[in-house]
Amino acid sequence: MQRTNSYSTKQKDRILEVIKGYSKEFTIKDIYNELEGIGLTTIYRFVNKLEKDGLISKYIGSNNTTYYQYLEKCNKENHFYLKCDNCGKMEHIDCECIGKLSSHIFKEHKFNPSKNHIIINGLCEKCGEKDE
């Protein structure tokens, strides 16, 4: 019997459940520490697949650590995410303006941004008020 890439296992289900439980960024080590009996290789492979599928975002922090964050799946073309640099909260935004911005970047700068994976960093309203 041949397995497909969409084959689901209990281990993958457990990993995804842990990932969805994080309200902000996490590392592979965070997942590994929460899950007993699941190897690092399995976690890395599944997290890489989730990133490729657009379900999680990956970035390198200022301390050279790789962080991930779960993104709700969205099939709309004009959407992006706002990520607070202070608290780590990430909010999904559905807005026509991002389509115009993507077109501008492509036409004027000869760069085609990924329409399903744009993250704008800054401060959320709550954290911005603390700075004032």
N, C-alpha and C. Protein backbone atom coordinates (compact mmCIF):
# COMPACT_ATOMS: atom_id res chain seq x y z
N MET A 1 0.85 -1.19 0.00
CA MET A 1 0.00 0.00 0.00
C MET A 1 0.89 1.25 0.00
N GLN A 2 0.57 2.18 -0.86
CA GLN A 2 1.36 3.40 -0.99
C GLN A 2 0.71 4.52 -0.18
N ARG A 3 1.55 5.23 0.61
CA ARG A 3 1.03 6.35 1.40
C ARG A 3 1.14 7.63 0.60
N THR A 4 0.23 8.56 0.84
CA THR A 4 0.26 9.86 0.18
C THR A 4 0.70 10.91 1.19
N ASN A 5 1.03 12.10 0.69
CA ASN A 5 1.44 13.19 1.57
C ASN A 5 0.34 13.65 2.50
N SER A 6 -0.91 13.39 2.17
CA SER A 6 -2.01 13.84 3.00
C SER A 6 -2.36 12.82 4.08
N TYR A 7 -1.60 11.75 4.15
CA TYR A 7 -1.81 10.72 5.15
C TYR A 7 -1.70 11.33 6.54
N SER A 8 -2.70 11.12 7.37
CA SER A 8 -2.73 11.70 8.70
C SER A 8 -2.42 10.62 9.74
N THR A 9 -1.61 10.99 10.69
CA THR A 9 -1.29 10.07 11.77
C THR A 9 -1.67 10.71 13.10
N LYS A 10 -1.71 9.89 14.13
CA LYS A 10 -2.00 10.42 15.46
C LYS A 10 -0.91 11.39 15.89
N GLN A 11 0.34 11.10 15.49
CA GLN A 11 1.44 12.00 15.85
C GLN A 11 1.25 13.37 15.20
N LYS A 12 0.90 13.40 13.93
CA LYS A 12 0.68 14.68 13.25
C LYS A 12 -0.49 15.43 13.88
N ASP A 13 -1.54 14.69 14.23
CA ASP A 13 -2.68 15.31 14.88
C ASP A 13 -2.28 15.93 16.22
N ARG A 14 -1.44 15.25 16.97
CA ARG A 14 -0.98 15.76 18.27
C ARG A 14 -0.10 17.00 18.08
N ILE A 15 0.78 16.95 17.09
CA ILE A 15 1.65 18.11 16.81
C ILE A 15 0.80 19.31 16.43
N LEU A 16 -0.16 19.12 15.53
CA LEU A 16 -1.01 20.23 15.09
C LEU A 16 -1.83 20.78 16.25
N GLU A 17 -2.30 19.92 17.12
CA GLU A 17 -3.08 20.35 18.29
C GLU A 17 -2.23 21.26 19.18
N VAL A 18 -0.97 20.88 19.41
CA VAL A 18 -0.07 21.70 20.21
C VAL A 18 0.19 23.03 19.53
N ILE A 19 0.46 23.00 18.22
CA ILE A 19 0.72 24.23 17.47
C ILE A 19 -0.46 25.19 17.55
N LYS A 20 -1.65 24.68 17.37
CA LYS A 20 -2.85 25.53 17.43
C LYS A 20 -3.07 26.12 18.81
N GLY A 21 -2.50 25.49 19.83
CA GLY A 21 -2.64 25.97 21.20
C GLY A 21 -1.77 27.16 21.55
N TYR A 22 -0.76 27.43 20.74
CA TYR A 22 0.10 28.58 20.99
C TYR A 22 -0.58 29.86 20.53
N SER A 23 -0.61 30.87 21.40
CA SER A 23 -1.22 32.14 21.03
C SER A 23 -0.23 33.07 20.35
N LYS A 24 1.05 32.74 20.44
CA LYS A 24 2.07 33.52 19.74
C LYS A 24 3.14 32.58 19.24
N GLU A 25 4.32 33.09 18.91
CA GLU A 25 5.34 32.27 18.26
C GLU A 25 5.83 31.13 19.16
N PHE A 26 6.41 30.12 18.51
CA PHE A 26 6.94 28.96 19.21
C PHE A 26 8.14 28.44 18.44
N THR A 27 8.90 27.56 19.08
CA THR A 27 10.05 26.93 18.43
C THR A 27 9.78 25.42 18.33
N ILE A 28 10.59 24.75 17.56
CA ILE A 28 10.50 23.30 17.46
C ILE A 28 10.72 22.68 18.85
N LYS A 29 11.66 23.25 19.60
CA LYS A 29 11.96 22.75 20.93
C LYS A 29 10.74 22.87 21.85
N ASP A 30 9.97 23.95 21.71
CA ASP A 30 8.74 24.10 22.50
C ASP A 30 7.79 22.94 22.25
N ILE A 31 7.61 22.60 20.98
CA ILE A 31 6.72 21.49 20.62
C ILE A 31 7.27 20.19 21.19
N TYR A 32 8.55 19.96 20.98
CA TYR A 32 9.21 18.73 21.44
C TYR A 32 9.05 18.56 22.95
N ASN A 33 9.20 19.64 23.71
CA ASN A 33 9.09 19.58 25.17
C ASN A 33 7.67 19.26 25.62
N GLU A 34 6.67 19.57 24.81
CA GLU A 34 5.28 19.30 25.18
C GLU A 34 4.81 17.91 24.79
N LEU A 35 5.48 17.30 23.82
CA LEU A 35 5.02 16.02 23.29
C LEU A 35 5.99 14.90 23.66
N GLU A 36 5.50 13.98 24.41
CA GLU A 36 6.31 12.83 24.79
C GLU A 36 6.14 11.74 23.74
N GLY A 37 7.23 11.15 23.32
CA GLY A 37 7.16 10.02 22.41
C GLY A 37 7.16 10.38 20.93
N ILE A 38 7.32 11.65 20.61
CA ILE A 38 7.40 12.06 19.19
C ILE A 38 8.79 12.63 18.96
N GLY A 39 9.50 12.09 17.99
CA GLY A 39 10.87 12.48 17.72
C GLY A 39 11.00 13.83 17.05
N LEU A 40 12.16 14.42 17.21
CA LEU A 40 12.45 15.72 16.61
C LEU A 40 12.33 15.68 15.09
N THR A 41 12.79 14.60 14.47
CA THR A 41 12.72 14.50 13.00
C THR A 41 11.28 14.56 12.53
N THR A 42 10.39 13.85 13.20
CA THR A 42 8.97 13.87 12.85
C THR A 42 8.40 15.27 12.98
N ILE A 43 8.75 15.95 14.06
CA ILE A 43 8.26 17.32 14.29
C ILE A 43 8.78 18.25 13.21
N TYR A 44 10.09 18.20 12.92
CA TYR A 44 10.66 19.06 11.89
C TYR A 44 9.99 18.83 10.53
N ARG A 45 9.83 17.59 10.15
CA ARG A 45 9.23 17.29 8.85
C ARG A 45 7.81 17.81 8.76
N PHE A 46 7.03 17.59 9.81
CA PHE A 46 5.63 18.03 9.77
C PHE A 46 5.53 19.55 9.80
N VAL A 47 6.35 20.21 10.61
CA VAL A 47 6.35 21.67 10.66
C VAL A 47 6.76 22.25 9.31
N ASN A 48 7.76 21.66 8.66
CA ASN A 48 8.16 22.12 7.33
C ASN A 48 7.02 21.96 6.32
N LYS A 49 6.27 20.87 6.41
CA LYS A 49 5.12 20.67 5.53
C LYS A 49 4.05 21.72 5.79
N LEU A 50 3.78 22.00 7.06
CA LEU A 50 2.78 23.01 7.41
C LEU A 50 3.19 24.39 6.89
N GLU A 51 4.48 24.69 6.97
CA GLU A 51 4.97 25.97 6.44
C GLU A 51 4.79 26.02 4.93
N LYS A 52 5.15 24.94 4.26
CA LYS A 52 5.00 24.88 2.80
C LYS A 52 3.53 25.03 2.39
N ASP A 53 2.63 24.47 3.20
CA ASP A 53 1.19 24.55 2.92
C ASP A 53 0.59 25.90 3.33
N GLY A 54 1.40 26.78 3.95
CA GLY A 54 0.91 28.11 4.32
C GLY A 54 0.14 28.14 5.63
N LEU A 55 0.25 27.09 6.45
CA LEU A 55 -0.48 27.07 7.71
C LEU A 55 0.32 27.63 8.88
N ILE A 56 1.63 27.75 8.71
CA ILE A 56 2.44 28.39 9.72
C ILE A 56 3.45 29.31 9.05
N SER A 57 3.85 30.31 9.79
CA SER A 57 4.85 31.27 9.32
C SER A 57 6.16 30.99 10.04
N LYS A 58 7.27 31.14 9.34
CA LYS A 58 8.60 30.91 9.91
C LYS A 58 9.41 32.18 9.78
N TYR A 59 10.14 32.52 10.84
CA TYR A 59 11.06 33.65 10.77
C TYR A 59 12.20 33.44 11.75
N ILE A 60 13.29 34.12 11.50
CA ILE A 60 14.47 34.05 12.36
C ILE A 60 14.47 35.26 13.27
N GLY A 61 14.50 35.03 14.57
CA GLY A 61 14.50 36.11 15.54
C GLY A 61 15.85 36.78 15.67
N SER A 62 15.90 37.86 16.41
CA SER A 62 17.13 38.63 16.57
C SER A 62 18.22 37.82 17.28
N ASN A 63 17.81 36.78 18.01
CA ASN A 63 18.77 35.92 18.70
C ASN A 63 19.19 34.72 17.85
N ASN A 64 18.86 34.77 16.55
CA ASN A 64 19.20 33.72 15.57
C ASN A 64 18.43 32.41 15.82
N THR A 65 17.33 32.49 16.54
CA THR A 65 16.48 31.34 16.79
C THR A 65 15.36 31.33 15.75
N THR A 66 15.01 30.15 15.25
CA THR A 66 13.91 30.02 14.30
C THR A 66 12.60 29.91 15.07
N TYR A 67 11.68 30.81 14.75
CA TYR A 67 10.36 30.83 15.37
C TYR A 67 9.29 30.54 14.33
N TYR A 68 8.17 30.02 14.80
CA TYR A 68 7.03 29.71 13.95
C TYR A 68 5.78 30.29 14.60
N GLN A 69 4.76 30.52 13.77
CA GLN A 69 3.47 30.94 14.29
C GLN A 69 2.38 30.35 13.42
N TYR A 70 1.33 29.86 14.07
CA TYR A 70 0.20 29.26 13.36
C TYR A 70 -0.62 30.34 12.69
N LEU A 71 -1.02 30.10 11.45
CA LEU A 71 -1.85 31.03 10.69
C LEU A 71 -3.15 30.32 10.32
N GLU A 72 -4.25 30.95 10.58
CA GLU A 72 -5.52 30.37 10.14
C GLU A 72 -5.54 30.31 8.63
N LYS A 73 -6.00 29.21 8.08
CA LYS A 73 -6.05 29.04 6.62
C LYS A 73 -7.10 30.00 6.05
N CYS A 74 -6.72 30.67 4.98
CA CYS A 74 -7.62 31.61 4.32
C CYS A 74 -7.48 31.42 2.82
N ASN A 75 -8.61 31.28 2.14
CA ASN A 75 -8.60 31.08 0.69
C ASN A 75 -8.79 32.38 -0.08
N LYS A 76 -8.93 33.48 0.63
CA LYS A 76 -9.12 34.77 -0.03
C LYS A 76 -7.77 35.28 -0.51
N GLU A 77 -7.78 36.01 -1.61
CA GLU A 77 -6.53 36.49 -2.19
C GLU A 77 -6.02 37.75 -1.51
N ASN A 78 -6.90 38.64 -1.10
CA ASN A 78 -6.50 39.92 -0.53
C ASN A 78 -6.51 39.87 1.00
N HIS A 79 -5.54 39.17 1.55
CA HIS A 79 -5.44 39.13 3.00
C HIS A 79 -3.97 39.18 3.42
N PHE A 80 -3.78 39.53 4.67
CA PHE A 80 -2.45 39.60 5.24
C PHE A 80 -2.57 39.49 6.75
N TYR A 81 -1.45 39.54 7.42
CA TYR A 81 -1.43 39.40 8.88
C TYR A 81 -0.71 40.58 9.49
N LEU A 82 -1.21 41.03 10.64
CA LEU A 82 -0.54 42.06 11.43
C LEU A 82 0.04 41.36 12.65
N LYS A 83 1.34 41.53 12.88
CA LYS A 83 1.99 40.85 14.00
C LYS A 83 2.59 41.88 14.94
N CYS A 84 2.20 41.80 16.21
CA CYS A 84 2.71 42.72 17.23
C CYS A 84 4.11 42.26 17.65
N ASP A 85 5.07 43.17 17.55
CA ASP A 85 6.45 42.87 17.94
C ASP A 85 6.61 42.76 19.45
N ASN A 86 5.65 43.28 20.20
CA ASN A 86 5.77 43.26 21.65
C ASN A 86 5.13 42.01 22.27
N CYS A 87 3.86 41.77 21.99
CA CYS A 87 3.15 40.65 22.62
C CYS A 87 3.09 39.41 21.74
N GLY A 88 3.42 39.53 20.46
CA GLY A 88 3.42 38.38 19.56
C GLY A 88 2.09 38.05 18.94
N LYS A 89 1.04 38.80 19.29
CA LYS A 89 -0.29 38.55 18.74
C LYS A 89 -0.27 38.73 17.23
N MET A 90 -0.94 37.81 16.52
CA MET A 90 -1.03 37.92 15.07
C MET A 90 -2.51 37.95 14.69
N GLU A 91 -2.87 38.92 13.87
CA GLU A 91 -4.27 39.11 13.48
C GLU A 91 -4.41 39.01 11.96
N HIS A 92 -5.39 38.26 11.52
CA HIS A 92 -5.68 38.09 10.10
C HIS A 92 -6.53 39.26 9.63
N ILE A 93 -6.14 39.86 8.51
CA ILE A 93 -6.87 41.01 7.95
C ILE A 93 -7.26 40.69 6.52
N ASP A 94 -8.51 40.92 6.18
CA ASP A 94 -9.01 40.76 4.81
C ASP A 94 -9.28 42.16 4.28
N CYS A 95 -8.45 42.62 3.34
CA CYS A 95 -8.53 44.01 2.91
C CYS A 95 -8.11 44.14 1.44
N GLU A 96 -8.87 44.87 0.67
CA GLU A 96 -8.56 45.09 -0.75
C GLU A 96 -7.25 45.87 -0.95
N CYS A 97 -6.84 46.65 0.03
CA CYS A 97 -5.63 47.47 -0.10
C CYS A 97 -4.38 46.62 -0.32
N ILE A 98 -4.35 45.41 0.23
CA ILE A 98 -3.16 44.59 0.07
C ILE A 98 -2.97 44.17 -1.38
N GLY A 99 -4.07 43.99 -2.11
CA GLY A 99 -3.98 43.68 -3.54
C GLY A 99 -3.35 44.82 -4.32
N LYS A 100 -3.73 46.06 -3.96
CA LYS A 100 -3.15 47.23 -4.61
C LYS A 100 -1.66 47.35 -4.27
N LEU A 101 -1.32 47.09 -3.01
CA LEU A 101 0.08 47.15 -2.61
C LEU A 101 0.89 46.08 -3.34
N SER A 102 0.37 44.87 -3.44
CA SER A 102 1.06 43.79 -4.14
C SER A 102 1.28 44.15 -5.61
N SER A 103 0.26 44.74 -6.24
CA SER A 103 0.40 45.17 -7.64
C SER A 103 1.48 46.24 -7.78
N HIS A 104 1.47 47.19 -6.87
CA HIS A 104 2.49 48.25 -6.89
C HIS A 104 3.90 47.65 -6.77
N ILE A 105 4.08 46.76 -5.82
CA ILE A 105 5.40 46.15 -5.60
C ILE A 105 5.84 45.40 -6.86
N PHE A 106 4.91 44.69 -7.49
CA PHE A 106 5.26 43.94 -8.69
C PHE A 106 5.62 44.87 -9.85
N LYS A 107 4.78 45.90 -10.08
CA LYS A 107 5.00 46.80 -11.21
C LYS A 107 6.22 47.70 -11.02
N GLU A 108 6.35 48.28 -9.85
CA GLU A 108 7.39 49.27 -9.63
C GLU A 108 8.73 48.69 -9.17
N HIS A 109 8.69 47.54 -8.53
CA HIS A 109 9.91 46.99 -7.95
C HIS A 109 10.28 45.61 -8.50
N LYS A 110 9.48 45.16 -9.48
CA LYS A 110 9.75 43.88 -10.15
C LYS A 110 9.90 42.72 -9.16
N PHE A 111 9.01 42.71 -8.16
CA PHE A 111 9.01 41.65 -7.15
C PHE A 111 7.58 41.22 -6.93
N ASN A 112 7.34 39.91 -6.95
CA ASN A 112 5.99 39.38 -6.80
C ASN A 112 5.81 38.81 -5.40
N PRO A 113 5.17 39.58 -4.49
CA PRO A 113 5.01 39.09 -3.11
C PRO A 113 4.02 37.92 -3.05
N SER A 114 4.25 37.06 -2.09
CA SER A 114 3.34 35.93 -1.85
C SER A 114 2.05 36.47 -1.27
N LYS A 115 0.96 36.34 -1.99
CA LYS A 115 -0.30 36.95 -1.57
C LYS A 115 -0.94 36.27 -0.37
N ASN A 116 -0.51 35.08 -0.02
CA ASN A 116 -1.13 34.40 1.11
C ASN A 116 -0.22 34.37 2.33
N HIS A 117 0.86 35.16 2.29
CA HIS A 117 1.81 35.05 3.38
C HIS A 117 2.48 36.38 3.71
N ILE A 118 1.74 37.48 3.62
CA ILE A 118 2.30 38.79 3.92
C ILE A 118 2.05 39.09 5.40
N ILE A 119 3.13 39.41 6.11
CA ILE A 119 3.04 39.74 7.53
C ILE A 119 3.62 41.12 7.73
N ILE A 120 2.83 42.00 8.34
CA ILE A 120 3.29 43.36 8.63
C ILE A 120 3.52 43.45 10.14
N ASN A 121 4.75 43.77 10.51
CA ASN A 121 5.11 43.88 11.92
C ASN A 121 4.89 45.29 12.42
N GLY A 122 4.63 45.39 13.71
CA GLY A 122 4.42 46.68 14.36
C GLY A 122 3.95 46.46 15.78
N LEU A 123 3.17 47.40 16.30
CA LEU A 123 2.61 47.28 17.65
C LEU A 123 1.09 47.28 17.58
N CYS A 124 0.47 46.34 18.29
CA CYS A 124 -0.99 46.32 18.35
C CYS A 124 -1.46 47.52 19.17
N GLU A 125 -2.75 47.77 19.15
CA GLU A 125 -3.31 48.93 19.84
C GLU A 125 -2.99 48.89 21.34
N LYS A 126 -3.14 47.73 21.93
CA LYS A 126 -2.89 47.59 23.38
C LYS A 126 -1.43 47.87 23.74
N CYS A 127 -0.49 47.31 22.98
CA CYS A 127 0.93 47.52 23.26
C CYS A 127 1.37 48.93 22.88
N GLY A 128 0.76 49.50 21.85
CA GLY A 128 1.06 50.87 21.43
C GLY A 128 0.67 51.88 22.50
N GLU A 129 -0.42 51.60 23.21
CA GLU A 129 -0.86 52.50 24.28
C GLU A 129 0.11 52.50 25.44
N LYS A 130 0.77 51.36 25.68
CA LYS A 130 1.74 51.26 26.77
C LYS A 130 2.95 52.14 26.53
N ASP A 131 3.32 52.33 25.26
CA ASP A 131 4.49 53.13 24.90
C ASP A 131 4.25 54.62 25.04
N GLU A 132 2.98 55.02 25.01
CA GLU A 132 2.67 56.46 25.05
C GLU A 132 2.71 57.03 26.43
